[in-house]
């Protein structure tokens, strides 16, 4: 029950803002749909790691969520840390945004 609550809070206050920021950037850059789908998959894959970290480090979760909310926390950095296997996808997304 507590785990479900933490997962909900992390998904709502951390993952959703990060995902929204990434999607907005990709949309503005007119990134290919395949890259957008891969980034969404990485966000989903990162959720368990983010929930685990938020459970063990609540201050980190609050700082990161607040930073994401005000725009000082990089979504890419949070996702790279939570799901290192998403590095190539995030690199492709960055290339799409920067081009």
PDB file of N, CA and C in Angstrom:
ATOM      1  N   UNK A   1       0.820  -1.192   0.000  1.00  0.00           N
ATOM      2  CA  UNK A   1       0.000   0.000   0.000  1.00  0.00           C
ATOM      3  C   UNK A   1       0.866   1.258   0.000  1.00  0.00           C
ATOM      4  N   UNK A   2       1.858   1.322   0.890  1.00  0.00           N
ATOM      5  CA  UNK A   2       2.755   2.483   0.931  1.00  0.00           C
ATOM      6  C   UNK A   2       3.542   2.560  -0.379  1.00  0.00           C
ATOM      7  N   UNK A   3       3.969   1.398  -0.873  1.00  0.00           N
ATOM      8  CA  UNK A   3       4.708   1.369  -2.137  1.00  0.00           C
ATOM      9  C   UNK A   3       3.886   1.905  -3.293  1.00  0.00           C
ATOM     10  N   UNK A   4       2.602   1.571  -3.296  1.00  0.00           N
ATOM     11  CA  UNK A   4       1.721   2.079  -4.348  1.00  0.00           C
ATOM     12  C   UNK A   4       1.564   3.592  -4.254  1.00  0.00           C
ATOM     13  N   UNK A   5       1.483   4.102  -3.046  1.00  0.00           N
ATOM     14  CA  UNK A   5       1.368   5.542  -2.842  1.00  0.00           C
ATOM     15  C   UNK A   5       2.637   6.251  -3.313  1.00  0.00           C
ATOM     16  N   UNK A   6       3.784   5.705  -2.960  1.00  0.00           N
ATOM     17  CA  UNK A   6       5.047   6.302  -3.396  1.00  0.00           C
ATOM     18  C   UNK A   6       5.150   6.270  -4.917  1.00  0.00           C
ATOM     19  N   UNK A   7       4.765   5.140  -5.523  1.00  0.00           N
ATOM     20  CA  UNK A   7       4.804   5.034  -6.981  1.00  0.00           C
ATOM     21  C   UNK A   7       3.899   6.076  -7.630  1.00  0.00           C
ATOM     22  N   UNK A   8       2.719   6.276  -7.064  1.00  0.00           N
ATOM     23  CA  UNK A   8       1.796   7.280  -7.590  1.00  0.00           C
ATOM     24  C   UNK A   8       2.399   8.678  -7.486  1.00  0.00           C
ATOM     25  N   UNK A   9       2.968   8.993  -6.336  1.00  0.00           N
ATOM     26  CA  UNK A   9       3.546  10.315  -6.135  1.00  0.00           C
ATOM     27  C   UNK A   9       4.725  10.562  -7.072  1.00  0.00           C
ATOM     28  N   UNK A  10       5.579   9.557  -7.225  1.00  0.00           N
ATOM     29  CA  UNK A  10       6.727   9.698  -8.124  1.00  0.00           C
ATOM     30  C   UNK A  10       6.241   9.865  -9.565  1.00  0.00           C
ATOM     31  N   UNK A  11       5.276   9.063  -9.954  1.00  0.00           N
ATOM     32  CA  UNK A  11       4.751   9.166 -11.318  1.00  0.00           C
ATOM     33  C   UNK A  11       4.106  10.524 -11.565  1.00  0.00           C
ATOM     34  N   UNK A  12       3.393  11.033 -10.588  1.00  0.00           N
ATOM     35  CA  UNK A  12       2.667  12.296 -10.749  1.00  0.00           C
ATOM     36  C   UNK A  12       3.570  13.522 -10.670  1.00  0.00           C
ATOM     37  N   UNK A  13       4.448  13.549  -9.674  1.00  0.00           N
ATOM     38  CA  UNK A  13       5.212  14.767  -9.417  1.00  0.00           C
ATOM     39  C   UNK A  13       6.627  14.763  -9.959  1.00  0.00           C
ATOM     40  N   UNK A  14       7.111  13.615 -10.421  1.00  0.00           N
ATOM     41  CA  UNK A  14       8.462  13.562 -10.956  1.00  0.00           C
ATOM     42  C   UNK A  14       8.455  13.112 -12.410  1.00  0.00           C
ATOM     43  N   UNK A  15       7.895  11.956 -12.667  1.00  0.00           N
ATOM     44  CA  UNK A  15       7.950  11.396 -14.013  1.00  0.00           C
ATOM     45  C   UNK A  15       7.089  12.195 -14.988  1.00  0.00           C
ATOM     46  N   UNK A  16       5.884  12.543 -14.605  1.00  0.00           N
ATOM     47  CA  UNK A  16       4.998  13.282 -15.519  1.00  0.00           C
ATOM     48  C   UNK A  16       5.607  14.615 -15.968  1.00  0.00           C
ATOM     49  N   UNK A  17       6.149  15.432 -15.059  1.00  0.00           N
ATOM     50  CA  UNK A  17       6.764  16.681 -15.530  1.00  0.00           C
ATOM     51  C   UNK A  17       7.983  16.448 -16.422  1.00  0.00           C
ATOM     52  N   UNK A  18       8.785  15.440 -16.083  1.00  0.00           N
ATOM     53  CA  UNK A  18       9.951  15.146 -16.917  1.00  0.00           C
ATOM     54  C   UNK A  18       9.515  14.693 -18.309  1.00  0.00           C
ATOM     55  N   UNK A  19       8.537  13.813 -18.346  1.00  0.00           N
ATOM     56  CA  UNK A  19       8.038  13.314 -19.619  1.00  0.00           C
ATOM     57  C   UNK A  19       7.422  14.448 -20.433  1.00  0.00           C
ATOM     58  N   UNK A  20       6.661  15.290 -19.789  1.00  0.00           N
ATOM     59  CA  UNK A  20       6.024  16.416 -20.474  1.00  0.00           C
ATOM     60  C   UNK A  20       7.070  17.350 -21.081  1.00  0.00           C
ATOM     61  N   UNK A  21       8.107  17.639 -20.333  1.00  0.00           N
ATOM     62  CA  UNK A  21       9.170  18.516 -20.826  1.00  0.00           C
ATOM     63  C   UNK A  21       9.845  17.912 -22.048  1.00  0.00           C
ATOM     64  N   UNK A  22      10.176  16.626 -21.955  1.00  0.00           N
ATOM     65  CA  UNK A  22      10.817  15.967 -23.089  1.00  0.00           C
ATOM     66  C   UNK A  22       9.902  15.941 -24.308  1.00  0.00           C
ATOM     67  N   UNK A  23       8.639  15.604 -24.096  1.00  0.00           N
ATOM     68  CA  UNK A  23       7.693  15.551 -25.213  1.00  0.00           C
ATOM     69  C   UNK A  23       7.505  16.919 -25.851  1.00  0.00           C
ATOM     70  N   UNK A  24       7.448  17.962 -25.029  1.00  0.00           N
ATOM     71  CA  UNK A  24       7.311  19.316 -25.569  1.00  0.00           C
ATOM     72  C   UNK A  24       8.512  19.687 -26.432  1.00  0.00           C
ATOM     73  N   UNK A  25       9.712  19.356 -25.943  1.00  0.00           N
ATOM     74  CA  UNK A  25      10.924  19.665 -26.710  1.00  0.00           C
ATOM     75  C   UNK A  25      10.958  18.886 -28.021  1.00  0.00           C
ATOM     76  N   UNK A  26      10.607  17.599 -27.946  1.00  0.00           N
ATOM     77  CA  UNK A  26      10.617  16.771 -29.152  1.00  0.00           C
ATOM     78  C   UNK A  26       9.555  17.232 -30.141  1.00  0.00           C
ATOM     79  N   UNK A  27       8.404  17.609 -29.642  1.00  0.00           N
ATOM     80  CA  UNK A  27       7.333  18.096 -30.508  1.00  0.00           C
ATOM     81  C   UNK A  27       7.744  19.397 -31.190  1.00  0.00           C
ATOM     82  N   UNK A  28       8.334  20.308 -30.426  1.00  0.00           N
ATOM     83  CA  UNK A  28       8.773  21.579 -30.987  1.00  0.00           C
ATOM     84  C   UNK A  28       9.852  21.368 -32.048  1.00  0.00           C
ATOM     85  N   UNK A  29      10.666  20.342 -31.871  1.00  0.00           N
ATOM     86  CA  UNK A  29      11.731  20.050 -32.825  1.00  0.00           C
ATOM     87  C   UNK A  29      11.242  19.181 -33.982  1.00  0.00           C
ATOM     88  N   UNK A  30       9.972  18.774 -33.919  1.00  0.00           N
ATOM     89  CA  UNK A  30       9.394  17.891 -34.934  1.00  0.00           C
ATOM     90  C   UNK A  30      10.211  16.609 -35.084  1.00  0.00           C
ATOM     91  N   UNK A  31      10.510  16.026 -33.945  1.00  0.00           N
ATOM     92  CA  UNK A  31      11.277  14.777 -33.927  1.00  0.00           C
ATOM     93  C   UNK A  31      10.446  13.643 -34.514  1.00  0.00           C
ATOM     94  N   UNK A  32      11.103  12.666 -35.118  1.00  0.00           N
ATOM     95  CA  UNK A  32      10.374  11.516 -35.663  1.00  0.00           C
ATOM     96  C   UNK A  32       9.584  10.784 -34.574  1.00  0.00           C
ATOM     97  N   UNK A  33       8.453  10.233 -34.972  1.00  0.00           N
ATOM     98  CA  UNK A  33       7.578   9.529 -34.026  1.00  0.00           C
ATOM     99  C   UNK A  33       8.298   8.367 -33.360  1.00  0.00           C
ATOM    100  N   UNK A  34       9.221   7.731 -34.068  1.00  0.00           N
ATOM    101  CA  UNK A  34       9.957   6.597 -33.490  1.00  0.00           C
ATOM    102  C   UNK A  34      10.799   7.043 -32.294  1.00  0.00           C
ATOM    103  N   UNK A  35      11.421   8.200 -32.399  1.00  0.00           N
ATOM    104  CA  UNK A  35      12.230   8.700 -31.283  1.00  0.00           C
ATOM    105  C   UNK A  35      11.337   9.059 -30.110  1.00  0.00           C
ATOM    106  N   UNK A  36      10.211   9.693 -30.393  1.00  0.00           N
ATOM    107  CA  UNK A  36       9.269  10.055 -29.324  1.00  0.00           C
ATOM    108  C   UNK A  36       8.806   8.799 -28.596  1.00  0.00           C
ATOM    109  N   UNK A  37       8.462   7.756 -29.344  1.00  0.00           N
ATOM    110  CA  UNK A  37       8.007   6.501 -28.736  1.00  0.00           C
ATOM    111  C   UNK A  37       9.110   5.862 -27.908  1.00  0.00           C
ATOM    112  N   UNK A  38      10.345   5.911 -28.389  1.00  0.00           N
ATOM    113  CA  UNK A  38      11.460   5.336 -27.636  1.00  0.00           C
ATOM    114  C   UNK A  38      11.708   6.100 -26.342  1.00  0.00           C
ATOM    115  N   UNK A  39      11.606   7.412 -26.395  1.00  0.00           N
ATOM    116  CA  UNK A  39      11.785   8.219 -25.180  1.00  0.00           C
ATOM    117  C   UNK A  39      10.684   7.891 -24.173  1.00  0.00           C
ATOM    118  N   UNK A  40       9.452   7.765 -24.653  1.00  0.00           N
ATOM    119  CA  UNK A  40       8.354   7.393 -23.756  1.00  0.00           C
ATOM    120  C   UNK A  40       8.612   6.027 -23.121  1.00  0.00           C
ATOM    121  N   UNK A  41       9.150   5.099 -23.895  1.00  0.00           N
ATOM    122  CA  UNK A  41       9.503   3.782 -23.354  1.00  0.00           C
ATOM    123  C   UNK A  41      10.576   3.874 -22.283  1.00  0.00           C
ATOM    124  N   UNK A  42      11.533   4.766 -22.488  1.00  0.00           N
ATOM    125  CA  UNK A  42      12.587   4.947 -21.485  1.00  0.00           C
ATOM    126  C   UNK A  42      12.037   5.546 -20.196  1.00  0.00           C
ATOM    127  N   UNK A  43      11.123   6.472 -20.342  1.00  0.00           N
ATOM    128  CA  UNK A  43      10.503   7.067 -19.154  1.00  0.00           C
ATOM    129  C   UNK A  43       9.773   5.980 -18.363  1.00  0.00           C
ATOM    130  N   UNK A  44       9.055   5.132 -19.076  1.00  0.00           N
ATOM    131  CA  UNK A  44       8.339   4.029 -18.425  1.00  0.00           C
ATOM    132  C   UNK A  44       9.318   3.057 -17.773  1.00  0.00           C
ATOM    133  N   UNK A  45      10.412   2.773 -18.461  1.00  0.00           N
ATOM    134  CA  UNK A  45      11.415   1.849 -17.920  1.00  0.00           C
ATOM    135  C   UNK A  45      12.109   2.427 -16.692  1.00  0.00           C
ATOM    136  N   UNK A  46      12.217   3.746 -16.618  1.00  0.00           N
ATOM    137  CA  UNK A  46      12.901   4.390 -15.494  1.00  0.00           C
ATOM    138  C   UNK A  46      12.041   4.461 -14.242  1.00  0.00           C
ATOM    139  N   UNK A  47      10.734   4.305 -14.376  1.00  0.00           N
ATOM    140  CA  UNK A  47       9.833   4.470 -13.240  1.00  0.00           C
ATOM    141  C   UNK A  47      10.199   3.594 -12.037  1.00  0.00           C
ATOM    142  N   UNK A  48      10.442   2.291 -12.198  1.00  0.00           N
ATOM    143  CA  UNK A  48      10.780   1.484 -11.015  1.00  0.00           C
ATOM    144  C   UNK A  48      12.041   1.971 -10.292  1.00  0.00           C
ATOM    145  N   UNK A  49      13.063   2.363 -11.062  1.00  0.00           N
ATOM    146  CA  UNK A  49      14.294   2.859 -10.438  1.00  0.00           C
ATOM    147  C   UNK A  49      14.043   4.176  -9.716  1.00  0.00           C
ATOM    148  N   UNK A  50      13.216   5.029 -10.306  1.00  0.00           N
ATOM    149  CA  UNK A  50      12.899   6.304  -9.662  1.00  0.00           C
ATOM    150  C   UNK A  50      12.080   6.098  -8.390  1.00  0.00           C
ATOM    151  N   UNK A  51      11.156   5.154  -8.426  1.00  0.00           N
ATOM    152  CA  UNK A  51      10.361   4.852  -7.229  1.00  0.00           C
ATOM    153  C   UNK A  51      11.266   4.313  -6.130  1.00  0.00           C
ATOM    154  N   UNK A  52      12.185   3.439  -6.484  1.00  0.00           N
ATOM    155  CA  UNK A  52      13.124   2.878  -5.497  1.00  0.00           C
ATOM    156  C   UNK A  52      13.972   3.979  -4.873  1.00  0.00           C
ATOM    157  N   UNK A  53      14.504   4.865  -5.711  1.00  0.00           N
ATOM    158  CA  UNK A  53      15.340   5.941  -5.178  1.00  0.00           C
ATOM    159  C   UNK A  53      14.521   6.901  -4.326  1.00  0.00           C
ATOM    160  N   UNK A  54      13.318   7.230  -4.771  1.00  0.00           N
ATOM    161  CA  UNK A  54      12.462   8.136  -3.999  1.00  0.00           C
ATOM    162  C   UNK A  54      12.093   7.526  -2.656  1.00  0.00           C
ATOM    163  N   UNK A  55      11.913   6.218  -2.621  1.00  0.00           N
ATOM    164  CA  UNK A  55      11.594   5.542  -1.362  1.00  0.00           C
ATOM    165  C   UNK A  55      12.746   5.617  -0.386  1.00  0.00           C
ATOM    166  N   UNK A  56      13.958   5.490  -0.904  1.00  0.00           N
ATOM    167  CA  UNK A  56      15.119   5.481  -0.015  1.00  0.00           C
ATOM    168  C   UNK A  56      15.691   6.874   0.231  1.00  0.00           C
ATOM    169  N   UNK A  57      15.416   7.809  -0.673  1.00  0.00           N
ATOM    170  CA  UNK A  57      15.930   9.174  -0.534  1.00  0.00           C
ATOM    171  C   UNK A  57      14.819  10.193  -0.789  1.00  0.00           C
ATOM    172  N   UNK A  58      13.924  10.382   0.167  1.00  0.00           N
ATOM    173  CA  UNK A  58      12.797  11.305  -0.067  1.00  0.00           C
ATOM    174  C   UNK A  58      13.232  12.738  -0.365  1.00  0.00           C
ATOM    175  N   UNK A  59      14.326  13.199   0.237  1.00  0.00           N
ATOM    176  CA  UNK A  59      14.775  14.567  -0.044  1.00  0.00           C
ATOM    177  C   UNK A  59      15.222  14.709  -1.486  1.00  0.00           C
ATOM    178  N   UNK A  60      15.873  13.686  -2.009  1.00  0.00           N
ATOM    179  CA  UNK A  60      16.263  13.702  -3.418  1.00  0.00           C
ATOM    180  C   UNK A  60      15.012  13.821  -4.287  1.00  0.00           C
ATOM    181  N   UNK A  61      14.008  13.045  -3.961  1.00  0.00           N
ATOM    182  CA  UNK A  61      12.768  13.060  -4.749  1.00  0.00           C
ATOM    183  C   UNK A  61      12.127  14.444  -4.727  1.00  0.00           C
ATOM    184  N   UNK A  62      12.078  15.063  -3.565  1.00  0.00           N
ATOM    185  CA  UNK A  62      11.464  16.391  -3.467  1.00  0.00           C
ATOM    186  C   UNK A  62      12.272  17.428  -4.233  1.00  0.00           C
ATOM    187  N   UNK A  63      13.602  17.390  -4.071  1.00  0.00           N
ATOM    188  CA  UNK A  63      14.453  18.345  -4.791  1.00  0.00           C
ATOM    189  C   UNK A  63      14.330  18.158  -6.300  1.00  0.00           C
ATOM    190  N   UNK A  64      14.339  16.905  -6.729  1.00  0.00           N
ATOM    191  CA  UNK A  64      14.272  16.621  -8.155  1.00  0.00           C
ATOM    192  C   UNK A  64      12.920  17.013  -8.727  1.00  0.00           C
ATOM    193  N   UNK A  65      11.850  16.685  -8.032  1.00  0.00           N
ATOM    194  CA  UNK A  65      10.508  17.052  -8.502  1.00  0.00           C
ATOM    195  C   UNK A  65      10.359  18.575  -8.566  1.00  0.00           C
ATOM    196  N   UNK A  66      10.843  19.267  -7.548  1.00  0.00           N
ATOM    197  CA  UNK A  66      10.760  20.724  -7.543  1.00  0.00           C
ATOM    198  C   UNK A  66      11.606  21.301  -8.675  1.00  0.00           C
ATOM    199  N   UNK A  67      12.807  20.760  -8.853  1.00  0.00           N
ATOM    200  CA  UNK A  67      13.678  21.219  -9.934  1.00  0.00           C
ATOM    201  C   UNK A  67      13.050  20.996 -11.299  1.00  0.00           C
ATOM    202  N   UNK A  68      12.378  19.869 -11.469  1.00  0.00           N
ATOM    203  CA  UNK A  68      11.688  19.592 -12.735  1.00  0.00           C
ATOM    204  C   UNK A  68      10.542  20.575 -12.932  1.00  0.00           C
ATOM    205  N   UNK A  69       9.855  20.880 -11.861  1.00  0.00           N
ATOM    206  CA  UNK A  69       8.711  21.786 -11.929  1.00  0.00           C
ATOM    207  C   UNK A  69       9.133  23.198 -12.330  1.00  0.00           C
ATOM    208  N   UNK A  70      10.249  23.687 -11.774  1.00  0.00           N
ATOM    209  CA  UNK A  70      10.680  25.050 -12.082  1.00  0.00           C
ATOM    210  C   UNK A  70      11.670  25.100 -13.245  1.00  0.00           C
ATOM    211  N   UNK A  71      12.063  23.933 -13.753  1.00  0.00           N
ATOM    212  CA  UNK A  71      12.904  23.893 -14.933  1.00  0.00           C
ATOM    213  C   UNK A  71      14.397  23.893 -14.707  1.00  0.00           C
ATOM    214  N   UNK A  72      14.841  23.688 -13.479  1.00  0.00           N
ATOM    215  CA  UNK A  72      16.279  23.663 -13.222  1.00  0.00           C
ATOM    216  C   UNK A  72      16.868  22.254 -13.247  1.00  0.00           C
ATOM    217  N   UNK A  73      16.022  21.255 -13.243  1.00  0.00           N
ATOM    218  CA  UNK A  73      16.483  19.874 -13.305  1.00  0.00           C
ATOM    219  C   UNK A  73      16.314  19.360 -14.728  1.00  0.00           C
ATOM    220  N   UNK A  74      17.378  18.830 -15.272  1.00  0.00           N
ATOM    221  CA  UNK A  74      17.354  18.310 -16.634  1.00  0.00           C
ATOM    222  C   UNK A  74      16.673  16.947 -16.668  1.00  0.00           C
ATOM    223  N   UNK A  75      15.618  16.806 -17.464  1.00  0.00           N
ATOM    224  CA  UNK A  75      14.964  15.502 -17.562  1.00  0.00           C
ATOM    225  C   UNK A  75      15.910  14.426 -18.070  1.00  0.00           C
ATOM    226  N   UNK A  76      16.783  14.809 -18.991  1.00  0.00           N
ATOM    227  CA  UNK A  76      17.720  13.838 -19.534  1.00  0.00           C
ATOM    228  C   UNK A  76      18.646  13.296 -18.457  1.00  0.00           C
ATOM    229  N   UNK A  77      19.134  14.167 -17.596  1.00  0.00           N
ATOM    230  CA  UNK A  77      20.051  13.732 -16.535  1.00  0.00           C
ATOM    231  C   UNK A  77      19.358  12.774 -15.573  1.00  0.00           C
ATOM    232  N   UNK A  78      18.128  13.079 -15.211  1.00  0.00           N
ATOM    233  CA  UNK A  78      17.384  12.207 -14.293  1.00  0.00           C
ATOM    234  C   UNK A  78      17.158  10.844 -14.936  1.00  0.00           C
ATOM    235  N   UNK A  79      16.764  10.839 -16.208  1.00  0.00           N
ATOM    236  CA  UNK A  79      16.515   9.566 -16.894  1.00  0.00           C
ATOM    237  C   UNK A  79      17.801   8.781 -17.119  1.00  0.00           C
ATOM    238  N   UNK A  80      18.885   9.465 -17.460  1.00  0.00           N
ATOM    239  CA  UNK A  80      20.161   8.763 -17.639  1.00  0.00           C
ATOM    240  C   UNK A  80      20.606   8.094 -16.344  1.00  0.00           C
ATOM    241  N   UNK A  81      20.387   8.767 -15.249  1.00  0.00           N
ATOM    242  CA  UNK A  81      20.778   8.211 -13.960  1.00  0.00           C
ATOM    243  C   UNK A  81      19.882   7.032 -13.574  1.00  0.00           C
ATOM    244  N   UNK A  82      18.598   7.150 -13.823  1.00  0.00           N
ATOM    245  CA  UNK A  82      17.649   6.105 -13.431  1.00  0.00           C
ATOM    246  C   UNK A  82      17.677   4.917 -14.387  1.00  0.00           C
ATOM    247  N   UNK A  83      17.888   5.186 -15.670  1.00  0.00           N
ATOM    248  CA  UNK A  83      17.865   4.118 -16.678  1.00  0.00           C
ATOM    249  C   UNK A  83      19.038   4.319 -17.644  1.00  0.00           C
ATOM    250  N   UNK A  84      20.233   3.917 -17.225  1.00  0.00           N
ATOM    251  CA  UNK A  84      21.418   4.139 -18.071  1.00  0.00           C
ATOM    252  C   UNK A  84      21.308   3.520 -19.462  1.00  0.00           C
ATOM    253  N   UNK A  85      20.514   2.468 -19.588  1.00  0.00           N
ATOM    254  CA  UNK A  85      20.360   1.821 -20.897  1.00  0.00           C
ATOM    255  C   UNK A  85      19.648   2.720 -21.904  1.00  0.00           C
ATOM    256  N   UNK A  86      19.070   3.801 -21.438  1.00  0.00           N
ATOM    257  CA  UNK A  86      18.365   4.730 -22.324  1.00  0.00           C
ATOM    258  C   UNK A  86      19.288   5.792 -22.915  1.00  0.00           C
ATOM    259  N   UNK A  87      20.559   5.727 -22.616  1.00  0.00           N
ATOM    260  CA  UNK A  87      21.515   6.712 -23.125  1.00  0.00           C
ATOM    261  C   UNK A  87      21.460   6.908 -24.632  1.00  0.00           C
ATOM    262  N   UNK A  88      21.516   5.824 -25.425  1.00  0.00           N
ATOM    263  CA  UNK A  88      21.466   6.007 -26.877  1.00  0.00           C
ATOM    264  C   UNK A  88      20.166   6.667 -27.356  1.00  0.00           C
ATOM    265  N   UNK A  89      19.058   6.321 -26.741  1.00  0.00           N
ATOM    266  CA  UNK A  89      17.775   6.922 -27.121  1.00  0.00           C
ATOM    267  C   UNK A  89      17.780   8.407 -26.786  1.00  0.00           C
ATOM    268  N   UNK A  90      18.295   8.750 -25.619  1.00  0.00           N
ATOM    269  CA  UNK A  90      18.341  10.161 -25.229  1.00  0.00           C
ATOM    270  C   UNK A  90      19.314  10.942 -26.105  1.00  0.00           C
ATOM    271  N   UNK A  91      20.405  10.293 -26.542  1.00  0.00           N
ATOM    272  CA  UNK A  91      21.321  10.950 -27.476  1.00  0.00           C
ATOM    273  C   UNK A  91      20.623  11.232 -28.801  1.00  0.00           C
ATOM    274  N   UNK A  92      19.850  10.267 -29.289  1.00  0.00           N
ATOM    275  CA  UNK A  92      19.095  10.465 -30.535  1.00  0.00           C
ATOM    276  C   UNK A  92      18.074  11.580 -30.367  1.00  0.00           C
ATOM    277  N   UNK A  93      17.425  11.610 -29.208  1.00  0.00           N
ATOM    278  CA  UNK A  93      16.453  12.673 -28.954  1.00  0.00           C
ATOM    279  C   UNK A  93      17.136  14.037 -28.915  1.00  0.00           C
ATOM    280  N   UNK A  94      18.287  14.095 -28.276  1.00  0.00           N
ATOM    281  CA  UNK A  94      19.023  15.364 -28.217  1.00  0.00           C
ATOM    282  C   UNK A  94      19.420  15.814 -29.624  1.00  0.00           C
ATOM    283  N   UNK A  95      19.861  14.866 -30.445  1.00  0.00           N
ATOM    284  CA  UNK A  95      20.218  15.204 -31.820  1.00  0.00           C
ATOM    285  C   UNK A  95      18.999  15.742 -32.578  1.00  0.00           C
ATOM    286  N   UNK A  96      17.835  15.149 -32.359  1.00  0.00           N
ATOM    287  CA  UNK A  96      16.625  15.625 -33.033  1.00  0.00           C
ATOM    288  C   UNK A  96      16.239  17.016 -32.558  1.00  0.00           C
ATOM    289  N   UNK A  97      16.429  17.275 -31.277  1.00  0.00           N
ATOM    290  CA  UNK A  97      16.077  18.586 -30.722  1.00  0.00           C
ATOM    291  C   UNK A  97      17.024  19.665 -31.229  1.00  0.00           C
ATOM    292  N   UNK A  98      18.313  19.331 -31.310  1.00  0.00           N
ATOM    293  CA  UNK A  98      19.326  20.316 -31.675  1.00  0.00           C
ATOM    294  C   UNK A  98      19.399  20.577 -33.170  1.00  0.00           C
ATOM    295  N   UNK A  99      18.827  19.690 -33.969  1.00  0.00           N
ATOM    296  CA  UNK A  99      18.941  19.890 -35.435  1.00  0.00           C
ATOM    297  C   UNK A  99      17.826  20.750 -35.979  1.00  0.00           C
TER     298      UNK A  99
END
